[in-house]
Amino acid sequence: MALTERATIGAITILSDGQLQVRVDTVVEKDGHEIARNYHRYVVNPGDDLSGELARTQTIGRAVHTPDVIKAFDQARTDKEVSRA
């Protein structure tokens, strides 16, 4: 009876402002048959450090997070903070 656990990227959604929503699927298998699956989601913002991300997320992040997207995201965040004050 061998139990194994593996994490894979189940989905990456690109939002209109350049944010990446990443879903990580953690699969537990017993003797090669899936017995459990859990999901964890997190967001990668334009301009975030991608070095700790899995290769697939890094590749998509480098393609999507252009200097213009990062600038627009930062400006929108600044505008939002100013409007709250």
Protein backbone atom coordinates (compact mmCIF):
# COMPACT_ATOMS: atom_id res chain seq x y z
CA MET A 1 0.00 0.00 0.00
CA ALA A 2 1.84 3.05 -1.28
CA LEU A 3 0.48 6.53 -0.65
CA THR A 4 1.75 9.34 -2.84
CA GLU A 5 0.98 13.03 -2.97
CA ARG A 6 1.64 15.38 -5.85
CA ALA A 7 0.86 19.00 -6.58
CA THR A 8 0.14 20.23 -10.08
CA ILE A 9 -1.20 23.43 -11.56
CA GLY A 10 -4.85 22.76 -12.31
CA ALA A 11 -5.65 26.13 -13.87
CA ILE A 12 -4.26 29.58 -14.52
CA THR A 13 -6.79 32.31 -15.25
CA ILE A 14 -5.64 35.66 -16.63
CA LEU A 15 -7.80 38.56 -15.44
CA SER A 16 -8.34 41.72 -17.48
CA ASP A 17 -5.94 43.71 -15.26
CA GLY A 18 -3.14 41.15 -15.75
CA GLN A 19 -3.53 39.28 -12.48
CA LEU A 20 -2.97 35.54 -12.68
CA GLN A 21 -5.26 33.36 -10.59
CA VAL A 22 -3.41 30.09 -10.03
CA ARG A 23 -5.14 26.92 -8.85
CA VAL A 24 -2.91 24.21 -7.42
CA ASP A 25 -4.37 20.70 -7.25
CA THR A 26 -2.94 18.41 -4.57
CA VAL A 27 -3.71 14.79 -5.41
CA VAL A 28 -3.33 11.89 -2.97
CA GLU A 29 -3.10 8.44 -4.51
CA LYS A 30 -3.13 4.98 -3.01
CA ASP A 31 -1.49 2.34 -5.17
CA GLY A 32 -1.89 4.57 -8.22
CA HIS A 33 -5.59 5.35 -7.65
CA GLU A 34 -6.72 8.84 -6.65
CA ILE A 35 -8.32 8.87 -3.20
CA ALA A 36 -8.35 12.61 -2.48
CA ARG A 37 -7.93 15.95 -4.21
CA ASN A 38 -7.64 19.40 -2.65
CA TYR A 39 -7.45 22.81 -4.27
CA HIS A 40 -5.57 25.94 -3.29
CA ARG A 41 -5.86 29.24 -5.15
CA TYR A 42 -3.66 32.30 -5.06
CA VAL A 43 -3.06 35.42 -7.12
CA VAL A 44 0.10 36.66 -8.83
CA ASN A 45 -0.07 40.40 -9.48
CA PRO A 46 1.69 42.17 -12.34
CA GLY A 47 5.14 43.13 -11.07
CA ASP A 48 5.35 40.33 -8.48
CA ASP A 49 8.56 38.29 -8.30
CA LEU A 50 8.02 35.14 -10.38
CA SER A 51 11.21 33.35 -9.37
CA GLY A 52 9.47 31.14 -6.77
CA GLU A 53 6.68 30.10 -9.12
CA LEU A 54 6.46 26.86 -11.07
CA ALA A 55 7.81 27.04 -14.63
CA ARG A 56 4.36 27.19 -16.24
CA THR A 57 3.32 30.16 -14.08
CA GLN A 58 6.64 31.91 -14.78
CA THR A 59 6.21 31.47 -18.53
CA ILE A 60 2.68 32.86 -18.54
CA GLY A 61 3.64 35.65 -16.13
CA ARG A 62 6.54 36.78 -18.31
CA ALA A 63 4.26 36.85 -21.36
CA VAL A 64 1.38 38.68 -19.67
CA HIS A 65 3.20 40.99 -17.25
CA THR A 66 4.63 43.40 -19.79
CA PRO A 67 5.95 46.78 -18.62
CA ASP A 68 2.71 48.42 -19.84
CA VAL A 69 0.52 45.96 -17.91
CA ILE A 70 2.60 46.44 -14.75
CA LYS A 71 2.38 50.23 -15.10
CA ALA A 72 -1.40 50.16 -15.63
CA PHE A 73 -1.88 47.78 -12.68
CA ASP A 74 0.22 49.96 -10.37
CA GLN A 75 -1.63 53.08 -11.53
CA ALA A 76 -5.03 51.47 -10.92
CA ARG A 77 -3.90 50.44 -7.43
CA THR A 78 -2.68 54.00 -6.71
CA ASP A 79 -5.94 55.50 -8.02
CA LYS A 80 -7.95 53.14 -5.80
CA GLU A 81 -5.91 54.08 -2.71
CA VAL A 82 -6.31 57.80 -3.44
CA SER A 83 -10.09 57.47 -3.86
CA ARG A 84 -10.35 55.76 -0.45
CA ALA A 85 -8.59 58.65 1.29
